[in-house]
Amino acid sequence: MEEYLAREYWCSPSRLRAGGTVYTVHGAADRPYIKIMAYRDTVVVCTSKDLAGRVRDLVENKSRDEIFSLRGLQGFDNSLAFDDRGHTPTKAACLARNVDMITGVSGAAPVSPEGLWEVGVDVLPEYRNSGMGTYLVTKLTGELLERDVVPFYSASVTNIGSQMVAARCGYIPAWVDTYGTVLDGSSPYGELLHI
């Protein structure tokens, strides 16, 4: 596994185990590229040559948690969901920015031991209808497929825009389910069922 990760992130296995933050340049990147990974006590920041200096300036002297934390990010509940302790099941994400503001996020979280990961996307209202959602989902889907993960995209039957993003990204309908809730007395359905 270490040999594979070292090849993917353009570093040696010894650098992968070195601890701290390791900066590498993707030797075959022919366009802007960035990929960041945490492995044991090491964070590897791999970029194309043109981004190396700028990305290093952004993450230098930041802890692993600071580099990876999206906690507190508001307005992206379909792609990133946090519990009361600030934890998220999201294991992969693609971000779009306008200068320092995050404008769109696609995220994926594992939902089964069989390797199924659910993909979601959010784009701030003023950036919708620009192709950003389609771009983010396409990039994330490609990354998941490279990892041998089976992605699926779910959208409410009433969310036509989200369904269109899924279709443009190559997702096809596989199943339909109804709204699910826990009938613990807090749902209006509990009254209907006399729970």
C-alpha atoms as a PDB file:
ATOM      1  CA  MET A   1       0.000   0.000   0.000  1.00  0.00           C
ATOM      2  CA  GLU A   2       2.772   2.474   0.867  1.00  0.00           C
ATOM      3  CA  GLU A   3       4.399   1.928  -2.504  1.00  0.00           C
ATOM      4  CA  TYR A   4       1.109   2.691  -4.251  1.00  0.00           C
ATOM      5  CA  LEU A   5       0.514   5.847  -2.192  1.00  0.00           C
ATOM      6  CA  ALA A   6       4.095   6.983  -2.744  1.00  0.00           C
ATOM      7  CA  ARG A   7       3.666   6.636  -6.520  1.00  0.00           C
ATOM      8  CA  GLU A   8       0.293   8.425  -6.460  1.00  0.00           C
ATOM      9  CA  TYR A   9       1.708  11.344  -4.474  1.00  0.00           C
ATOM     10  CA  TRP A  10       5.132  11.502  -6.135  1.00  0.00           C
ATOM     11  CA  CYS A  11       7.186  10.814  -3.020  1.00  0.00           C
ATOM     12  CA  SER A  12       9.277   7.995  -1.615  1.00  0.00           C
ATOM     13  CA  PRO A  13       7.888   5.562   0.983  1.00  0.00           C
ATOM     14  CA  SER A  14      10.371   7.002   3.505  1.00  0.00           C
ATOM     15  CA  ARG A  15       8.992  10.536   2.962  1.00  0.00           C
ATOM     16  CA  LEU A  16       5.488   9.103   3.298  1.00  0.00           C
ATOM     17  CA  ARG A  17       6.454   7.865   6.771  1.00  0.00           C
ATOM     18  CA  ALA A  18       8.444  10.980   7.723  1.00  0.00           C
ATOM     19  CA  GLY A  19       5.681  12.750   9.651  1.00  0.00           C
ATOM     20  CA  GLY A  20       4.724  16.387   9.330  1.00  0.00           C
ATOM     21  CA  THR A  21       3.800  17.951   6.015  1.00  0.00           C
ATOM     22  CA  VAL A  22       5.545  16.819   2.848  1.00  0.00           C
ATOM     23  CA  TYR A  23       5.310  18.886  -0.367  1.00  0.00           C
ATOM     24  CA  THR A  24       5.722  17.132  -3.710  1.00  0.00           C
ATOM     25  CA  VAL A  25       5.346  18.068  -7.365  1.00  0.00           C
ATOM     26  CA  HIS A  26       3.356  15.827  -9.716  1.00  0.00           C
ATOM     27  CA  GLY A  27       5.885  15.240 -12.471  1.00  0.00           C
ATOM     28  CA  ALA A  28       3.340  14.409 -15.172  1.00  0.00           C
ATOM     29  CA  ALA A  29       0.701  17.084 -14.481  1.00  0.00           C
ATOM     30  CA  ASP A  30       0.109  19.093 -17.640  1.00  0.00           C
ATOM     31  CA  ARG A  31      -2.475  21.432 -16.059  1.00  0.00           C
ATOM     32  CA  PRO A  32      -3.159  22.801 -12.554  1.00  0.00           C
ATOM     33  CA  TYR A  33      -3.322  19.896 -10.123  1.00  0.00           C
ATOM     34  CA  ILE A  34      -3.620  19.480  -6.346  1.00  0.00           C
ATOM     35  CA  LYS A  35      -4.203  16.414  -4.214  1.00  0.00           C
ATOM     36  CA  ILE A  36      -3.748  16.262  -0.443  1.00  0.00           C
ATOM     37  CA  MET A  37      -3.594  13.114   1.658  1.00  0.00           C
ATOM     38  CA  ALA A  38      -3.158  12.268   5.320  1.00  0.00           C
ATOM     39  CA  TYR A  39      -1.320   9.021   6.034  1.00  0.00           C
ATOM     40  CA  ARG A  40      -0.437   8.144   9.611  1.00  0.00           C
ATOM     41  CA  ASP A  41       1.437  11.205  10.950  1.00  0.00           C
ATOM     42  CA  THR A  42       2.162  12.639   7.514  1.00  0.00           C
ATOM     43  CA  VAL A  43       0.238  15.015   5.270  1.00  0.00           C
ATOM     44  CA  VAL A  44       1.336  14.911   1.645  1.00  0.00           C
ATOM     45  CA  VAL A  45       0.518  17.948  -0.500  1.00  0.00           C
ATOM     46  CA  CYS A  46       1.059  17.055  -4.160  1.00  0.00           C
ATOM     47  CA  THR A  47       0.613  19.789  -6.765  1.00  0.00           C
ATOM     48  CA  SER A  48       1.523  20.666 -10.295  1.00  0.00           C
ATOM     49  CA  LYS A  49       4.692  22.735 -10.560  1.00  0.00           C
ATOM     50  CA  ASP A  50       2.762  25.959 -11.285  1.00  0.00           C
ATOM     51  CA  LEU A  51       0.749  25.696  -8.037  1.00  0.00           C
ATOM     52  CA  ALA A  52       3.504  24.449  -5.719  1.00  0.00           C
ATOM     53  CA  GLY A  53       4.522  27.794  -4.229  1.00  0.00           C
ATOM     54  CA  ARG A  54       1.008  29.202  -3.803  1.00  0.00           C
ATOM     55  CA  VAL A  55      -0.363  26.041  -2.192  1.00  0.00           C
ATOM     56  CA  ARG A  56       2.619  25.773   0.125  1.00  0.00           C
ATOM     57  CA  ASP A  57       2.034  29.381   1.244  1.00  0.00           C
ATOM     58  CA  LEU A  58      -1.613  28.514   1.999  1.00  0.00           C
ATOM     59  CA  VAL A  59      -0.977  25.414   4.135  1.00  0.00           C
ATOM     60  CA  GLU A  60       2.477  25.986   5.622  1.00  0.00           C
ATOM     61  CA  ASN A  61       2.495  25.986   9.441  1.00  0.00           C
ATOM     62  CA  LYS A  62      -1.039  24.566   9.573  1.00  0.00           C
ATOM     63  CA  SER A  63      -1.835  21.408  11.483  1.00  0.00           C
ATOM     64  CA  ARG A  64      -3.320  18.363   9.806  1.00  0.00           C
ATOM     65  CA  ASP A  65      -6.738  19.262  11.218  1.00  0.00           C
ATOM     66  CA  GLU A  66      -6.472  22.816   9.902  1.00  0.00           C
ATOM     67  CA  ILE A  67      -5.499  21.588   6.442  1.00  0.00           C
ATOM     68  CA  PHE A  68      -8.393  19.141   6.228  1.00  0.00           C
ATOM     69  CA  SER A  69     -11.057  20.860   8.289  1.00  0.00           C
ATOM     70  CA  LEU A  70     -14.158  22.119   6.560  1.00  0.00           C
ATOM     71  CA  ARG A  71     -15.983  22.261   9.866  1.00  0.00           C
ATOM     72  CA  GLY A  72     -18.222  25.245  10.259  1.00  0.00           C
ATOM     73  CA  LEU A  73     -18.695  25.654   6.513  1.00  0.00           C
ATOM     74  CA  GLN A  74     -22.326  26.700   6.068  1.00  0.00           C
ATOM     75  CA  GLY A  75     -24.687  26.121   3.146  1.00  0.00           C
ATOM     76  CA  PHE A  76     -23.266  22.821   1.908  1.00  0.00           C
ATOM     77  CA  ASP A  77     -25.462  20.259   3.669  1.00  0.00           C
ATOM     78  CA  ASN A  78     -25.874  17.966   0.643  1.00  0.00           C
ATOM     79  CA  SER A  79     -22.127  17.524   0.227  1.00  0.00           C
ATOM     80  CA  LEU A  80     -20.853  17.967   3.805  1.00  0.00           C
ATOM     81  CA  ALA A  81     -22.839  17.116   6.914  1.00  0.00           C
ATOM     82  CA  PHE A  82     -21.449  17.614  10.412  1.00  0.00           C
ATOM     83  CA  ASP A  83     -22.681  16.204  13.700  1.00  0.00           C
ATOM     84  CA  ASP A  84     -22.741  18.140  16.983  1.00  0.00           C
ATOM     85  CA  ARG A  85     -19.065  17.313  17.596  1.00  0.00           C
ATOM     86  CA  GLY A  86     -17.995  18.622  14.198  1.00  0.00           C
ATOM     87  CA  HIS A  87     -17.407  15.207  12.640  1.00  0.00           C
ATOM     88  CA  THR A  88     -18.473  14.333   9.121  1.00  0.00           C
ATOM     89  CA  PRO A  89     -18.769  10.988   7.311  1.00  0.00           C
ATOM     90  CA  THR A  90     -17.542  12.730   4.133  1.00  0.00           C
ATOM     91  CA  LYS A  91     -14.298  11.063   3.036  1.00  0.00           C
ATOM     92  CA  ALA A  92     -13.676  12.833  -0.284  1.00  0.00           C
ATOM     93  CA  ALA A  93     -14.541  16.320  -1.496  1.00  0.00           C
ATOM     94  CA  CYS A  94     -13.939  18.705  -4.392  1.00  0.00           C
ATOM     95  CA  LEU A  95     -14.173  22.442  -3.783  1.00  0.00           C
ATOM     96  CA  ALA A  96     -14.697  25.431  -6.037  1.00  0.00           C
ATOM     97  CA  ARG A  97     -13.564  28.878  -4.937  1.00  0.00           C
ATOM     98  CA  ASN A  98     -13.905  32.456  -6.025  1.00  0.00           C
ATOM     99  CA  VAL A  99     -10.796  34.008  -4.508  1.00  0.00           C
ATOM    100  CA  ASP A 100     -11.093  33.071  -0.793  1.00  0.00           C
ATOM    101  CA  MET A 101     -14.786  32.126  -0.784  1.00  0.00           C
ATOM    102  CA  ILE A 102     -15.925  28.527  -1.276  1.00  0.00           C
ATOM    103  CA  THR A 103     -18.683  28.636  -3.894  1.00  0.00           C
ATOM    104  CA  GLY A 104     -19.359  24.941  -4.465  1.00  0.00           C
ATOM    105  CA  VAL A 105     -18.627  21.556  -2.923  1.00  0.00           C
ATOM    106  CA  SER A 106     -19.139  17.981  -4.028  1.00  0.00           C
ATOM    107  CA  GLY A 107     -18.647  15.394  -1.319  1.00  0.00           C
ATOM    108  CA  ALA A 108     -18.860  11.635  -0.942  1.00  0.00           C
ATOM    109  CA  ALA A 109     -19.371   9.436   2.090  1.00  0.00           C
ATOM    110  CA  PRO A 110     -19.273   5.656   2.427  1.00  0.00           C
ATOM    111  CA  VAL A 111     -22.686   4.177   3.156  1.00  0.00           C
ATOM    112  CA  SER A 112     -22.058   0.439   3.048  1.00  0.00           C
ATOM    113  CA  PRO A 113     -19.337  -2.119   3.674  1.00  0.00           C
ATOM    114  CA  GLU A 114     -19.680  -3.122  -0.001  1.00  0.00           C
ATOM    115  CA  GLY A 115     -17.905   0.060  -1.084  1.00  0.00           C
ATOM    116  CA  LEU A 116     -20.895   2.228  -2.048  1.00  0.00           C
ATOM    117  CA  TRP A 117     -20.305   5.953  -1.516  1.00  0.00           C
ATOM    118  CA  GLU A 118     -23.061   8.534  -1.818  1.00  0.00           C
ATOM    119  CA  VAL A 119     -22.212  11.689  -3.756  1.00  0.00           C
ATOM    120  CA  GLY A 120     -23.817  15.050  -3.061  1.00  0.00           C
ATOM    121  CA  VAL A 121     -23.240  18.562  -4.356  1.00  0.00           C
ATOM    122  CA  ASP A 122     -23.997  22.116  -3.296  1.00  0.00           C
ATOM    123  CA  VAL A 123     -23.421  25.343  -5.191  1.00  0.00           C
ATOM    124  CA  LEU A 124     -24.156  28.750  -3.731  1.00  0.00           C
ATOM    125  CA  PRO A 125     -27.271  30.255  -5.365  1.00  0.00           C
ATOM    126  CA  GLU A 126     -25.431  33.042  -7.185  1.00  0.00           C
ATOM    127  CA  TYR A 127     -23.125  30.469  -8.860  1.00  0.00           C
ATOM    128  CA  ARG A 128     -25.805  28.006 -10.007  1.00  0.00           C
ATOM    129  CA  ASN A 129     -26.529  27.380 -13.708  1.00  0.00           C
ATOM    130  CA  SER A 130     -22.840  27.895 -14.493  1.00  0.00           C
ATOM    131  CA  GLY A 131     -21.867  24.228 -14.878  1.00  0.00           C
ATOM    132  CA  MET A 132     -20.035  24.274 -11.530  1.00  0.00           C
ATOM    133  CA  GLY A 133     -22.144  21.491  -9.986  1.00  0.00           C
ATOM    134  CA  THR A 134     -21.598  19.249 -13.008  1.00  0.00           C
ATOM    135  CA  TYR A 135     -17.853  19.949 -12.967  1.00  0.00           C
ATOM    136  CA  LEU A 136     -17.518  19.209  -9.241  1.00  0.00           C
ATOM    137  CA  VAL A 137     -19.503  15.963  -9.408  1.00  0.00           C
ATOM    138  CA  THR A 138     -17.624  14.822 -12.529  1.00  0.00           C
ATOM    139  CA  LYS A 139     -14.226  15.427 -10.870  1.00  0.00           C
ATOM    140  CA  LEU A 140     -15.235  13.694  -7.635  1.00  0.00           C
ATOM    141  CA  THR A 141     -16.795  10.750  -9.475  1.00  0.00           C
ATOM    142  CA  GLY A 142     -13.596  10.243 -11.469  1.00  0.00           C
ATOM    143  CA  GLU A 143     -11.530  10.278  -8.276  1.00  0.00           C
ATOM    144  CA  LEU A 144     -13.818   7.717  -6.622  1.00  0.00           C
ATOM    145  CA  LEU A 145     -13.696   5.411  -9.639  1.00  0.00           C
ATOM    146  CA  GLU A 146      -9.877   5.590  -9.586  1.00  0.00           C
ATOM    147  CA  ARG A 147     -10.072   4.395  -5.965  1.00  0.00           C
ATOM    148  CA  ASP A 148     -12.328   1.464  -6.980  1.00  0.00           C
ATOM    149  CA  VAL A 149     -15.231   2.999  -5.072  1.00  0.00           C
ATOM    150  CA  VAL A 150     -18.775   2.613  -6.426  1.00  0.00           C
ATOM    151  CA  PRO A 151     -20.350   6.087  -6.377  1.00  0.00           C
ATOM    152  CA  PHE A 152     -24.065   6.728  -6.466  1.00  0.00           C
ATOM    153  CA  TYR A 153     -25.910  10.006  -6.602  1.00  0.00           C
ATOM    154  CA  SER A 154     -29.208  10.555  -4.864  1.00  0.00           C
ATOM    155  CA  ALA A 155     -31.567  13.456  -5.372  1.00  0.00           C
ATOM    156  CA  SER A 156     -35.054  14.221  -4.209  1.00  0.00           C
ATOM    157  CA  VAL A 157     -37.718  13.480  -6.797  1.00  0.00           C
ATOM    158  CA  THR A 158     -38.645  17.163  -6.529  1.00  0.00           C
ATOM    159  CA  ASN A 159     -35.103  18.460  -7.181  1.00  0.00           C
ATOM    160  CA  ILE A 160     -35.002  18.573 -10.969  1.00  0.00           C
ATOM    161  CA  GLY A 161     -31.797  20.661 -11.035  1.00  0.00           C
ATOM    162  CA  SER A 162     -29.900  18.062  -9.018  1.00  0.00           C
ATOM    163  CA  GLN A 163     -31.277  15.270 -11.204  1.00  0.00           C
ATOM    164  CA  MET A 164     -30.014  17.145 -14.266  1.00  0.00           C
ATOM    165  CA  VAL A 165     -26.522  17.409 -12.737  1.00  0.00           C
ATOM    166  CA  ALA A 166     -26.558  13.647 -12.115  1.00  0.00           C
ATOM    167  CA  ALA A 167     -27.616  12.924 -15.699  1.00  0.00           C
ATOM    168  CA  ARG A 168     -24.938  15.233 -17.164  1.00  0.00           C
ATOM    169  CA  CYS A 169     -22.330  13.381 -15.071  1.00  0.00           C
ATOM    170  CA  GLY A 170     -23.389   9.983 -16.433  1.00  0.00           C
ATOM    171  CA  TYR A 171     -25.438   8.738 -13.508  1.00  0.00           C
ATOM    172  CA  ILE A 172     -28.555   6.790 -14.463  1.00  0.00           C
ATOM    173  CA  PRO A 173     -31.603   6.065 -12.297  1.00  0.00           C
ATOM    174  CA  ALA A 174     -31.215   2.760 -10.500  1.00  0.00           C
ATOM    175  CA  TRP A 175     -33.874   2.938  -7.786  1.00  0.00           C
ATOM    176  CA  VAL A 176     -36.445   5.221  -6.234  1.00  0.00           C
ATOM    177  CA  ASP A 177     -37.285   5.317  -2.564  1.00  0.00           C
ATOM    178  CA  THR A 178     -39.632   7.331  -0.413  1.00  0.00           C
ATOM    179  CA  TYR A 179     -38.821   9.786   2.292  1.00  0.00           C
ATOM    180  CA  GLY A 180     -37.460   8.023   5.381  1.00  0.00           C
ATOM    181  CA  THR A 181     -37.747   9.136   8.983  1.00  0.00           C
ATOM    182  CA  VAL A 182     -37.433   7.668  12.451  1.00  0.00           C
ATOM    183  CA  LEU A 183     -40.886   7.211  13.967  1.00  0.00           C
ATOM    184  CA  ASP A 184     -39.932   8.166  17.516  1.00  0.00           C
ATOM    185  CA  GLY A 185     -42.807  10.542  18.164  1.00  0.00           C
ATOM    186  CA  SER A 186     -41.019  13.568  16.709  1.00  0.00           C
ATOM    187  CA  SER A 187     -42.415  13.058  13.208  1.00  0.00           C
ATOM    188  CA  PRO A 188     -45.906  14.016  12.042  1.00  0.00           C
ATOM    189  CA  TYR A 189     -46.156  10.476  10.675  1.00  0.00           C
ATOM    190  CA  GLY A 190     -46.169   9.194  14.252  1.00  0.00           C
ATOM    191  CA  GLU A 191     -49.583  10.763  14.821  1.00  0.00           C
ATOM    192  CA  LEU A 192     -50.952   9.120  11.706  1.00  0.00           C
ATOM    193  CA  LEU A 193     -49.701   5.713  12.836  1.00  0.00           C
ATOM    194  CA  HIS A 194     -50.626   6.277  16.506  1.00  0.00           C
ATOM    195  CA  ILE A 195     -47.048   5.868  17.700  1.00  0.00           C
END
